[in-house]
Amino acid sequence: MLGESVVRSLVTIASPVLRDVVVSPPLCEWVATQGWRYVFGHVTLDALLGTGRIEFQHRLLGEHLGADEFEQAVLAVVGTADQLVETLQARFGGLRYTDLRV
């Protein structure tokens, strides 16, 4: 009901895409204008001191979340993040999470 306090659980599924990405106007523009254009999930940029971390995330309400729905959401998020790695790295730089720091 309107005005009543309702406690809801929110489940965030996130998969890393790139780290140590130089935060630039073209990257910020891409995240703002293209990063949400997915049927399932969106791209996030966590920027800190000139470099950032790119993730792919999706959120679900948890009250009635079934195991099958959760599993499909995880697979979709991980699959999309995996597809984004090469495209975004070629365009904006950064390191994969599997790349070693030297």
PDB file of N, CA and C in Angstrom:
ATOM      1  N   MET A   1       0.831  -1.184   0.000  1.00  0.00           N
ATOM      2  CA  MET A   1       0.000   0.000   0.000  1.00  0.00           C
ATOM      3  C   MET A   1       0.871   1.241   0.000  1.00  0.00           C
ATOM      4  N   LEU A   2       0.355   2.275  -0.566  1.00  0.00           N
ATOM      5  CA  LEU A   2       1.063   3.541  -0.632  1.00  0.00           C
ATOM      6  C   LEU A   2       1.316   4.076   0.766  1.00  0.00           C
ATOM      7  N   GLY A   3       2.546   4.463   1.029  1.00  0.00           N
ATOM      8  CA  GLY A   3       2.890   5.013   2.334  1.00  0.00           C
ATOM      9  C   GLY A   3       3.376   3.987   3.334  1.00  0.00           C
ATOM     10  N   GLU A   4       3.179   2.705   3.055  1.00  0.00           N
ATOM     11  CA  GLU A   4       3.653   1.663   3.957  1.00  0.00           C
ATOM     12  C   GLU A   4       5.106   1.347   3.641  1.00  0.00           C
ATOM     13  N   SER A   5       5.835   1.006   4.665  1.00  0.00           N
ATOM     14  CA  SER A   5       7.225   0.614   4.479  1.00  0.00           C
ATOM     15  C   SER A   5       7.269  -0.854   4.072  1.00  0.00           C
ATOM     16  N   VAL A   6       7.867  -1.125   2.936  1.00  0.00           N
ATOM     17  CA  VAL A   6       7.959  -2.489   2.438  1.00  0.00           C
ATOM     18  C   VAL A   6       9.438  -2.861   2.344  1.00  0.00           C
ATOM     19  N   VAL A   7       9.796  -3.940   2.988  1.00  0.00           N
ATOM     20  CA  VAL A   7      11.167  -4.418   2.916  1.00  0.00           C
ATOM     21  C   VAL A   7      11.271  -5.369   1.734  1.00  0.00           C
ATOM     22  N   ARG A   8      12.178  -5.072   0.845  1.00  0.00           N
ATOM     23  CA  ARG A   8      12.381  -5.921  -0.324  1.00  0.00           C
ATOM     24  C   ARG A   8      13.841  -6.335  -0.372  1.00  0.00           C
ATOM     25  N   SER A   9      14.060  -7.526  -0.873  1.00  0.00           N
ATOM     26  CA  SER A   9      15.447  -7.944  -1.071  1.00  0.00           C
ATOM     27  C   SER A   9      15.802  -7.720  -2.536  1.00  0.00           C
ATOM     28  N   LEU A  10      16.988  -7.199  -2.746  1.00  0.00           N
ATOM     29  CA  LEU A  10      17.474  -6.919  -4.083  1.00  0.00           C
ATOM     30  C   LEU A  10      18.739  -7.730  -4.302  1.00  0.00           C
ATOM     31  N   VAL A  11      18.769  -8.498  -5.382  1.00  0.00           N
ATOM     32  CA  VAL A  11      19.922  -9.330  -5.708  1.00  0.00           C
ATOM     33  C   VAL A  11      20.656  -8.676  -6.876  1.00  0.00           C
ATOM     34  N   THR A  12      21.930  -8.363  -6.675  1.00  0.00           N
ATOM     35  CA  THR A  12      22.752  -7.802  -7.742  1.00  0.00           C
ATOM     36  C   THR A  12      23.718  -8.876  -8.225  1.00  0.00           C
ATOM     37  N   ILE A  13      23.668  -9.139  -9.512  1.00  0.00           N
ATOM     38  CA  ILE A  13      24.590 -10.084 -10.136  1.00  0.00           C
ATOM     39  C   ILE A  13      25.558  -9.242 -10.963  1.00  0.00           C
ATOM     40  N   ALA A  14      26.847  -9.377 -10.695  1.00  0.00           N
ATOM     41  CA  ALA A  14      27.843  -8.555 -11.389  1.00  0.00           C
ATOM     42  C   ALA A  14      28.989  -9.426 -11.872  1.00  0.00           C
ATOM     43  N   SER A  15      29.506  -9.076 -13.029  1.00  0.00           N
ATOM     44  CA  SER A  15      30.657  -9.775 -13.578  1.00  0.00           C
ATOM     45  C   SER A  15      31.675  -8.739 -14.046  1.00  0.00           C
ATOM     46  N   PRO A  16      32.938  -8.895 -13.658  1.00  0.00           N
ATOM     47  CA  PRO A  16      33.952  -7.932 -14.085  1.00  0.00           C
ATOM     48  C   PRO A  16      34.203  -8.022 -15.588  1.00  0.00           C
ATOM     49  N   VAL A  17      34.480  -6.862 -16.181  1.00  0.00           N
ATOM     50  CA  VAL A  17      34.818  -6.802 -17.597  1.00  0.00           C
ATOM     51  C   VAL A  17      36.282  -6.383 -17.753  1.00  0.00           C
ATOM     52  N   LEU A  18      36.621  -5.182 -17.286  1.00  0.00           N
ATOM     53  CA  LEU A  18      37.991  -4.669 -17.388  1.00  0.00           C
ATOM     54  C   LEU A  18      38.366  -3.907 -16.125  1.00  0.00           C
ATOM     55  N   ARG A  19      39.665  -3.800 -15.880  1.00  0.00           N
ATOM     56  CA  ARG A  19      40.169  -2.999 -14.763  1.00  0.00           C
ATOM     57  C   ARG A  19      41.259  -2.080 -15.286  1.00  0.00           C
ATOM     58  N   ASP A  20      41.615  -1.095 -14.486  1.00  0.00           N
ATOM     59  CA  ASP A  20      42.669  -0.134 -14.849  1.00  0.00           C
ATOM     60  C   ASP A  20      42.400   0.536 -16.196  1.00  0.00           C
ATOM     61  N   VAL A  21      41.143   0.873 -16.439  1.00  0.00           N
ATOM     62  CA  VAL A  21      40.750   1.575 -17.657  1.00  0.00           C
ATOM     63  C   VAL A  21      40.895   3.075 -17.399  1.00  0.00           C
ATOM     64  N   VAL A  22      41.544   3.792 -18.307  1.00  0.00           N
ATOM     65  CA  VAL A  22      41.657   5.242 -18.165  1.00  0.00           C
ATOM     66  C   VAL A  22      40.274   5.848 -18.377  1.00  0.00           C
ATOM     67  N   VAL A  23      39.808   6.593 -17.385  1.00  0.00           N
ATOM     68  CA  VAL A  23      38.493   7.223 -17.482  1.00  0.00           C
ATOM     69  C   VAL A  23      38.625   8.443 -18.395  1.00  0.00           C
ATOM     70  N   SER A  24      37.922   8.396 -19.505  1.00  0.00           N
ATOM     71  CA  SER A  24      38.002   9.449 -20.516  1.00  0.00           C
ATOM     72  C   SER A  24      36.590   9.878 -20.904  1.00  0.00           C
ATOM     73  N   PRO A  25      36.443  11.062 -21.491  1.00  0.00           N
ATOM     74  CA  PRO A  25      35.120  11.475 -21.955  1.00  0.00           C
ATOM     75  C   PRO A  25      34.472  10.465 -22.920  1.00  0.00           C
ATOM     76  N   PRO A  26      35.221   9.895 -23.896  1.00  0.00           N
ATOM     77  CA  PRO A  26      34.568   8.900 -24.765  1.00  0.00           C
ATOM     78  C   PRO A  26      34.070   7.665 -23.999  1.00  0.00           C
ATOM     79  N   LEU A  27      34.826   7.205 -23.004  1.00  0.00           N
ATOM     80  CA  LEU A  27      34.385   6.056 -22.210  1.00  0.00           C
ATOM     81  C   LEU A  27      33.132   6.410 -21.427  1.00  0.00           C
ATOM     82  N   CYS A  28      33.133   7.556 -20.764  1.00  0.00           N
ATOM     83  CA  CYS A  28      31.960   7.966 -19.984  1.00  0.00           C
ATOM     84  C   CYS A  28      30.734   8.133 -20.877  1.00  0.00           C
ATOM     85  N   GLU A  29      30.945   8.688 -22.065  1.00  0.00           N
ATOM     86  CA  GLU A  29      29.832   8.842 -23.004  1.00  0.00           C
ATOM     87  C   GLU A  29      29.294   7.478 -23.432  1.00  0.00           C
ATOM     88  N   TRP A  30      30.189   6.533 -23.716  1.00  0.00           N
ATOM     89  CA  TRP A  30      29.739   5.203 -24.128  1.00  0.00           C
ATOM     90  C   TRP A  30      28.932   4.539 -23.014  1.00  0.00           C
ATOM     91  N   VAL A  31      29.432   4.600 -21.790  1.00  0.00           N
ATOM     92  CA  VAL A  31      28.715   3.987 -20.665  1.00  0.00           C
ATOM     93  C   VAL A  31      27.333   4.624 -20.512  1.00  0.00           C
ATOM     94  N   ALA A  32      27.262   5.965 -20.626  1.00  0.00           N
ATOM     95  CA  ALA A  32      25.993   6.673 -20.439  1.00  0.00           C
ATOM     96  C   ALA A  32      25.003   6.449 -21.571  1.00  0.00           C
ATOM     97  N   THR A  33      25.495   6.331 -22.800  1.00  0.00           N
ATOM     98  CA  THR A  33      24.578   6.254 -23.938  1.00  0.00           C
ATOM     99  C   THR A  33      24.396   4.854 -24.510  1.00  0.00           C
ATOM    100  N   GLN A  34      25.377   3.979 -24.304  1.00  0.00           N
ATOM    101  CA  GLN A  34      25.294   2.634 -24.863  1.00  0.00           C
ATOM    102  C   GLN A  34      25.279   1.531 -23.810  1.00  0.00           C
ATOM    103  N   GLY A  35      25.805   1.811 -22.641  1.00  0.00           N
ATOM    104  CA  GLY A  35      25.975   0.785 -21.622  1.00  0.00           C
ATOM    105  C   GLY A  35      24.696   0.237 -21.021  1.00  0.00           C
ATOM    106  N   TRP A  36      23.584   0.891 -21.272  1.00  0.00           N
ATOM    107  CA  TRP A  36      22.301   0.421 -20.741  1.00  0.00           C
ATOM    108  C   TRP A  36      21.454  -0.273 -21.809  1.00  0.00           C
ATOM    109  N   ARG A  37      21.936  -0.336 -23.022  1.00  0.00           N
ATOM    110  CA  ARG A  37      21.128  -0.840 -24.139  1.00  0.00           C
ATOM    111  C   ARG A  37      21.156  -2.364 -24.277  1.00  0.00           C
ATOM    112  N   TYR A  38      21.012  -3.034 -23.187  1.00  0.00           N
ATOM    113  CA  TYR A  38      20.986  -4.497 -23.192  1.00  0.00           C
ATOM    114  C   TYR A  38      19.633  -4.948 -22.676  1.00  0.00           C
ATOM    115  N   VAL A  39      19.128  -6.014 -23.246  1.00  0.00           N
ATOM    116  CA  VAL A  39      17.852  -6.546 -22.782  1.00  0.00           C
ATOM    117  C   VAL A  39      17.964  -6.956 -21.322  1.00  0.00           C
ATOM    118  N   PHE A  40      19.129  -7.440 -20.961  1.00  0.00           N
ATOM    119  CA  PHE A  40      19.327  -8.025 -19.645  1.00  0.00           C
ATOM    120  C   PHE A  40      20.579  -7.423 -19.019  1.00  0.00           C
ATOM    121  N   GLY A  41      20.455  -6.394 -18.198  1.00  0.00           N
ATOM    122  CA  GLY A  41      21.594  -5.835 -17.492  1.00  0.00           C
ATOM    123  C   GLY A  41      22.109  -4.544 -18.095  1.00  0.00           C
ATOM    124  N   HIS A  42      23.195  -4.039 -17.498  1.00  0.00           N
ATOM    125  CA  HIS A  42      23.784  -2.774 -17.916  1.00  0.00           C
ATOM    126  C   HIS A  42      25.261  -2.724 -17.522  1.00  0.00           C
ATOM    127  N   VAL A  43      26.004  -1.853 -18.189  1.00  0.00           N
ATOM    128  CA  VAL A  43      27.426  -1.661 -17.912  1.00  0.00           C
ATOM    129  C   VAL A  43      27.569  -0.595 -16.833  1.00  0.00           C
ATOM    130  N   THR A  44      28.490  -0.824 -15.896  1.00  0.00           N
ATOM    131  CA  THR A  44      28.797   0.174 -14.877  1.00  0.00           C
ATOM    132  C   THR A  44      30.277   0.524 -14.950  1.00  0.00           C
ATOM    133  N   LEU A  45      30.582   1.748 -14.541  1.00  0.00           N
ATOM    134  CA  LEU A  45      31.964   2.228 -14.478  1.00  0.00           C
ATOM    135  C   LEU A  45      32.195   2.749 -13.073  1.00  0.00           C
ATOM    136  N   ASP A  46      33.123   2.145 -12.376  1.00  0.00           N
ATOM    137  CA  ASP A  46      33.514   2.585 -11.043  1.00  0.00           C
ATOM    138  C   ASP A  46      34.869   3.266 -11.194  1.00  0.00           C
ATOM    139  N   ALA A  47      34.876   4.598 -11.130  1.00  0.00           N
ATOM    140  CA  ALA A  47      36.094   5.364 -11.400  1.00  0.00           C
ATOM    141  C   ALA A  47      36.747   5.818 -10.103  1.00  0.00           C
ATOM    142  N   LEU A  48      38.067   5.679 -10.070  1.00  0.00           N
ATOM    143  CA  LEU A  48      38.830   6.072  -8.894  1.00  0.00           C
ATOM    144  C   LEU A  48      40.186   6.614  -9.337  1.00  0.00           C
ATOM    145  N   LEU A  49      40.455   7.870  -9.052  1.00  0.00           N
ATOM    146  CA  LEU A  49      41.764   8.483  -9.324  1.00  0.00           C
ATOM    147  C   LEU A  49      42.227   8.326 -10.772  1.00  0.00           C
ATOM    148  N   GLY A  50      41.339   8.574 -11.711  1.00  0.00           N
ATOM    149  CA  GLY A  50      41.726   8.572 -13.115  1.00  0.00           C
ATOM    150  C   GLY A  50      41.616   7.251 -13.841  1.00  0.00           C
ATOM    151  N   THR A  51      41.535   6.150 -13.102  1.00  0.00           N
ATOM    152  CA  THR A  51      41.317   4.846 -13.739  1.00  0.00           C
ATOM    153  C   THR A  51      40.059   4.232 -13.157  1.00  0.00           C
ATOM    154  N   GLY A  52      39.534   3.261 -13.859  1.00  0.00           N
ATOM    155  CA  GLY A  52      38.280   2.691 -13.409  1.00  0.00           C
ATOM    156  C   GLY A  52      38.171   1.206 -13.661  1.00  0.00           C
ATOM    157  N   ARG A  53      37.054   0.694 -13.189  1.00  0.00           N
ATOM    158  CA  ARG A  53      36.722  -0.722 -13.332  1.00  0.00           C
ATOM    159  C   ARG A  53      35.367  -0.788 -14.038  1.00  0.00           C
ATOM    160  N   ILE A  54      35.285  -1.603 -15.064  1.00  0.00           N
ATOM    161  CA  ILE A  54      34.033  -1.791 -15.797  1.00  0.00           C
ATOM    162  C   ILE A  54      33.453  -3.142 -15.414  1.00  0.00           C
ATOM    163  N   GLU A  55      32.153  -3.143 -15.105  1.00  0.00           N
ATOM    164  CA  GLU A  55      31.428  -4.377 -14.789  1.00  0.00           C
ATOM    165  C   GLU A  55      30.149  -4.427 -15.610  1.00  0.00           C
ATOM    166  N   PHE A  56      29.606  -5.626 -15.721  1.00  0.00           N
ATOM    167  CA  PHE A  56      28.273  -5.799 -16.272  1.00  0.00           C
ATOM    168  C   PHE A  56      27.400  -6.307 -15.141  1.00  0.00           C
ATOM    169  N   GLN A  57      26.248  -5.662 -14.908  1.00  0.00           N
ATOM    170  CA  GLN A  57      25.393  -5.997 -13.771  1.00  0.00           C
ATOM    171  C   GLN A  57      23.941  -6.173 -14.190  1.00  0.00           C
ATOM    172  N   HIS A  58      23.239  -6.916 -13.369  1.00  0.00           N
ATOM    173  CA  HIS A  58      21.786  -7.025 -13.484  1.00  0.00           C
ATOM    174  C   HIS A  58      21.228  -7.154 -12.076  1.00  0.00           C
ATOM    175  N   ARG A  59      20.052  -6.581 -11.849  1.00  0.00           N
ATOM    176  CA  ARG A  59      19.420  -6.650 -10.531  1.00  0.00           C
ATOM    177  C   ARG A  59      18.064  -7.332 -10.643  1.00  0.00           C
ATOM    178  N   LEU A  60      17.775  -8.115  -9.624  1.00  0.00           N
ATOM    179  CA  LEU A  60      16.505  -8.833  -9.543  1.00  0.00           C
ATOM    180  C   LEU A  60      15.911  -8.651  -8.153  1.00  0.00           C
ATOM    181  N   LEU A  61      14.588  -8.636  -8.073  1.00  0.00           N
ATOM    182  CA  LEU A  61      13.950  -8.688  -6.759  1.00  0.00           C
ATOM    183  C   LEU A  61      14.096 -10.103  -6.230  1.00  0.00           C
ATOM    184  N   GLY A  62      14.408 -10.227  -4.958  1.00  0.00           N
ATOM    185  CA  GLY A  62      14.742 -11.531  -4.412  1.00  0.00           C
ATOM    186  C   GLY A  62      13.627 -12.277  -3.719  1.00  0.00           C
ATOM    187  N   GLU A  63      12.492 -11.617  -3.442  1.00  0.00           N
ATOM    188  CA  GLU A  63      11.437 -12.277  -2.664  1.00  0.00           C
ATOM    189  C   GLU A  63      10.977 -13.603  -3.254  1.00  0.00           C
ATOM    190  N   HIS A  64      10.802 -13.638  -4.538  1.00  0.00           N
ATOM    191  CA  HIS A  64      10.263 -14.845  -5.181  1.00  0.00           C
ATOM    192  C   HIS A  64      11.218 -15.386  -6.241  1.00  0.00           C
ATOM    193  N   LEU A  65      12.497 -15.127  -6.062  1.00  0.00           N
ATOM    194  CA  LEU A  65      13.503 -15.541  -7.034  1.00  0.00           C
ATOM    195  C   LEU A  65      13.760 -17.037  -6.925  1.00  0.00           C
ATOM    196  N   GLY A  66      13.517 -17.737  -8.004  1.00  0.00           N
ATOM    197  CA  GLY A  66      13.749 -19.176  -8.024  1.00  0.00           C
ATOM    198  C   GLY A  66      15.161 -19.509  -8.460  1.00  0.00           C
ATOM    199  N   ALA A  67      15.566 -20.722  -8.184  1.00  0.00           N
ATOM    200  CA  ALA A  67      16.923 -21.163  -8.520  1.00  0.00           C
ATOM    201  C   ALA A  67      17.164 -21.122 -10.027  1.00  0.00           C
ATOM    202  N   ASP A  68      16.179 -21.540 -10.819  1.00  0.00           N
ATOM    203  CA  ASP A  68      16.344 -21.534 -12.279  1.00  0.00           C
ATOM    204  C   ASP A  68      16.500 -20.116 -12.819  1.00  0.00           C
ATOM    205  N   GLU A  69      15.670 -19.210 -12.321  1.00  0.00           N
ATOM    206  CA  GLU A  69      15.752 -17.814 -12.757  1.00  0.00           C
ATOM    207  C   GLU A  69      17.104 -17.204 -12.366  1.00  0.00           C
ATOM    208  N   PHE A  70      17.556 -17.498 -11.161  1.00  0.00           N
ATOM    209  CA  PHE A  70      18.846 -16.990 -10.702  1.00  0.00           C
ATOM    210  C   PHE A  70      19.977 -17.539 -11.574  1.00  0.00           C
ATOM    211  N   GLU A  71      19.940 -18.833 -11.852  1.00  0.00           N
ATOM    212  CA  GLU A  71      20.982 -19.451 -12.671  1.00  0.00           C
ATOM    213  C   GLU A  71      21.017 -18.840 -14.070  1.00  0.00           C
ATOM    214  N   GLN A  72      19.855 -18.647 -14.681  1.00  0.00           N
ATOM    215  CA  GLN A  72      19.798 -18.051 -16.017  1.00  0.00           C
ATOM    216  C   GLN A  72      20.322 -16.616 -16.009  1.00  0.00           C
ATOM    217  N   ALA A  73      20.017 -15.877 -14.947  1.00  0.00           N
ATOM    218  CA  ALA A  73      20.507 -14.501 -14.828  1.00  0.00           C
ATOM    219  C   ALA A  73      22.028 -14.475 -14.712  1.00  0.00           C
ATOM    220  N   VAL A  74      22.585 -15.361 -13.906  1.00  0.00           N
ATOM    221  CA  VAL A  74      24.043 -15.425 -13.754  1.00  0.00           C
ATOM    222  C   VAL A  74      24.696 -15.766 -15.091  1.00  0.00           C
ATOM    223  N   LEU A  75      24.164 -16.747 -15.792  1.00  0.00           N
ATOM    224  CA  LEU A  75      24.729 -17.132 -17.091  1.00  0.00           C
ATOM    225  C   LEU A  75      24.648 -15.987 -18.101  1.00  0.00           C
ATOM    226  N   ALA A  76      23.542 -15.260 -18.095  1.00  0.00           N
ATOM    227  CA  ALA A  76      23.386 -14.132 -19.018  1.00  0.00           C
ATOM    228  C   ALA A  76      24.372 -13.016 -18.703  1.00  0.00           C
ATOM    229  N   VAL A  77      24.543 -12.701 -17.429  1.00  0.00           N
ATOM    230  CA  VAL A  77      25.467 -11.636 -17.030  1.00  0.00           C
ATOM    231  C   VAL A  77      26.903 -12.016 -17.371  1.00  0.00           C
ATOM    232  N   VAL A  78      27.306 -13.216 -17.009  1.00  0.00           N
ATOM    233  CA  VAL A  78      28.677 -13.662 -17.276  1.00  0.00           C
ATOM    234  C   VAL A  78      28.937 -13.737 -18.786  1.00  0.00           C
ATOM    235  N   GLY A  79      27.985 -14.246 -19.531  1.00  0.00           N
ATOM    236  CA  GLY A  79      28.148 -14.346 -20.983  1.00  0.00           C
ATOM    237  C   GLY A  79      28.271 -12.988 -21.649  1.00  0.00           C
ATOM    238  N   THR A  80      27.448 -12.038 -21.234  1.00  0.00           N
ATOM    239  CA  THR A  80      27.517 -10.695 -21.805  1.00  0.00           C
ATOM    240  C   THR A  80      28.831 -10.020 -21.440  1.00  0.00           C
ATOM    241  N   ALA A  81      29.254 -10.150 -20.185  1.00  0.00           N
ATOM    242  CA  ALA A  81      30.527  -9.561 -19.750  1.00  0.00           C
ATOM    243  C   ALA A  81      31.679 -10.128 -20.569  1.00  0.00           C
ATOM    244  N   ASP A  82      31.646 -11.420 -20.808  1.00  0.00           N
ATOM    245  CA  ASP A  82      32.705 -12.066 -21.587  1.00  0.00           C
ATOM    246  C   ASP A  82      32.744 -11.525 -23.016  1.00  0.00           C
ATOM    247  N   GLN A  83      31.579 -11.283 -23.597  1.00  0.00           N
ATOM    248  CA  GLN A  83      31.514 -10.735 -24.955  1.00  0.00           C
ATOM    249  C   GLN A  83      32.020  -9.296 -25.017  1.00  0.00           C
ATOM    250  N   LEU A  84      31.860  -8.552 -23.929  1.00  0.00           N
ATOM    251  CA  LEU A  84      32.264  -7.149 -23.905  1.00  0.00           C
ATOM    252  C   LEU A  84      33.767  -6.939 -23.753  1.00  0.00           C
ATOM    253  N   VAL A  85      34.474  -7.908 -23.194  1.00  0.00           N
ATOM    254  CA  VAL A  85      35.890  -7.730 -22.860  1.00  0.00           C
ATOM    255  C   VAL A  85      36.704  -7.260 -24.064  1.00  0.00           C
ATOM    256  N   GLU A  86      36.706  -8.014 -25.141  1.00  0.00           N
ATOM    257  CA  GLU A  86      37.550  -7.679 -26.292  1.00  0.00           C
ATOM    258  C   GLU A  86      37.128  -6.374 -26.955  1.00  0.00           C
ATOM    259  N   THR A  87      35.834  -6.172 -27.106  1.00  0.00           N
ATOM    260  CA  THR A  87      35.335  -4.959 -27.746  1.00  0.00           C
ATOM    261  C   THR A  87      35.734  -3.716 -26.966  1.00  0.00           C
ATOM    262  N   LEU A  88      35.479  -3.725 -25.659  1.00  0.00           N
ATOM    263  CA  LEU A  88      35.778  -2.540 -24.855  1.00  0.00           C
ATOM    264  C   LEU A  88      37.275  -2.348 -24.654  1.00  0.00           C
ATOM    265  N   GLN A  89      38.025  -3.440 -24.540  1.00  0.00           N
ATOM    266  CA  GLN A  89      39.470  -3.311 -24.377  1.00  0.00           C
ATOM    267  C   GLN A  89      40.093  -2.699 -25.636  1.00  0.00           C
ATOM    268  N   ALA A  90      39.641  -3.120 -26.805  1.00  0.00           N
ATOM    269  CA  ALA A  90      40.169  -2.563 -28.051  1.00  0.00           C
ATOM    270  C   ALA A  90      39.831  -1.078 -28.184  1.00  0.00           C
ATOM    271  N   ARG A  91      38.692  -0.695 -27.678  1.00  0.00           N
ATOM    272  CA  ARG A  91      38.243   0.693 -27.829  1.00  0.00           C
ATOM    273  C   ARG A  91      38.774   1.628 -26.745  1.00  0.00           C
ATOM    274  N   PHE A  92      38.840   1.133 -25.487  1.00  0.00           N
ATOM    275  CA  PHE A  92      39.155   2.015 -24.362  1.00  0.00           C
ATOM    276  C   PHE A  92      40.393   1.602 -23.566  1.00  0.00           C
ATOM    277  N   GLY A  93      40.996   0.475 -23.900  1.00  0.00           N
ATOM    278  CA  GLY A  93      42.169   0.016 -23.159  1.00  0.00           C
ATOM    279  C   GLY A  93      41.771  -0.694 -21.876  1.00  0.00           C
ATOM    280  N   GLY A  94      42.696  -0.737 -20.941  1.00  0.00           N
ATOM    281  CA  GLY A  94      42.444  -1.425 -19.687  1.00  0.00           C
ATOM    282  C   GLY A  94      42.942  -2.856 -19.729  1.00  0.00           C
ATOM    283  N   LEU A  95      42.832  -3.504 -18.605  1.00  0.00           N
ATOM    284  CA  LEU A  95      43.303  -4.883 -18.460  1.00  0.00           C
ATOM    285  C   LEU A  95      42.141  -5.810 -18.149  1.00  0.00           C
ATOM    286  N   ARG A  96      42.257  -7.029 -18.642  1.00  0.00           N
ATOM    287  CA  ARG A  96      41.315  -8.073 -18.240  1.00  0.00           C
ATOM    288  C   ARG A  96      41.639  -8.441 -16.796  1.00  0.00           C
ATOM    289  N   TYR A  97      40.732  -9.029 -16.121  1.00  0.00           N
ATOM    290  CA  TYR A  97      41.008  -9.453 -14.749  1.00  0.00           C
ATOM    291  C   TYR A  97      41.987 -10.612 -14.710  1.00  0.00           C
ATOM    292  N   THR A  98      42.166 -11.298 -15.825  1.00  0.00           N
ATOM    293  CA  THR A  98      43.131 -12.398 -15.874  1.00  0.00           C
ATOM    294  C   THR A  98      44.529 -11.929 -16.265  1.00  0.00           C
ATOM    295  N   ASP A  99      44.656 -10.666 -16.706  1.00  0.00           N
ATOM    296  CA  ASP A  99      45.974 -10.125 -17.059  1.00  0.00           C
ATOM    297  C   ASP A  99      46.779  -9.867 -15.792  1.00  0.00           C
ATOM    298  N   LEU A 100      48.052 -10.219 -15.846  1.00  0.00           N
ATOM    299  CA  LEU A 100      48.935  -9.967 -14.709  1.00  0.00           C
ATOM    300  C   LEU A 100      49.416  -8.527 -14.743  1.00  0.00           C
ATOM    301  N   ARG A 101      49.595  -7.957 -13.570  1.00  0.00           N
ATOM    302  CA  ARG A 101      50.201  -6.628 -13.479  1.00  0.00           C
ATOM    303  C   ARG A 101      51.709  -6.785 -13.514  1.00  0.00           C
ATOM    304  N   VAL A 102      52.377  -5.898 -14.224  1.00  0.00           N
ATOM    305  CA  VAL A 102      53.845  -5.922 -14.269  1.00  0.00           C
ATOM    306  C   VAL A 102      54.417  -4.643 -13.711  1.00  0.00           C
TER     307      VAL A 102
END
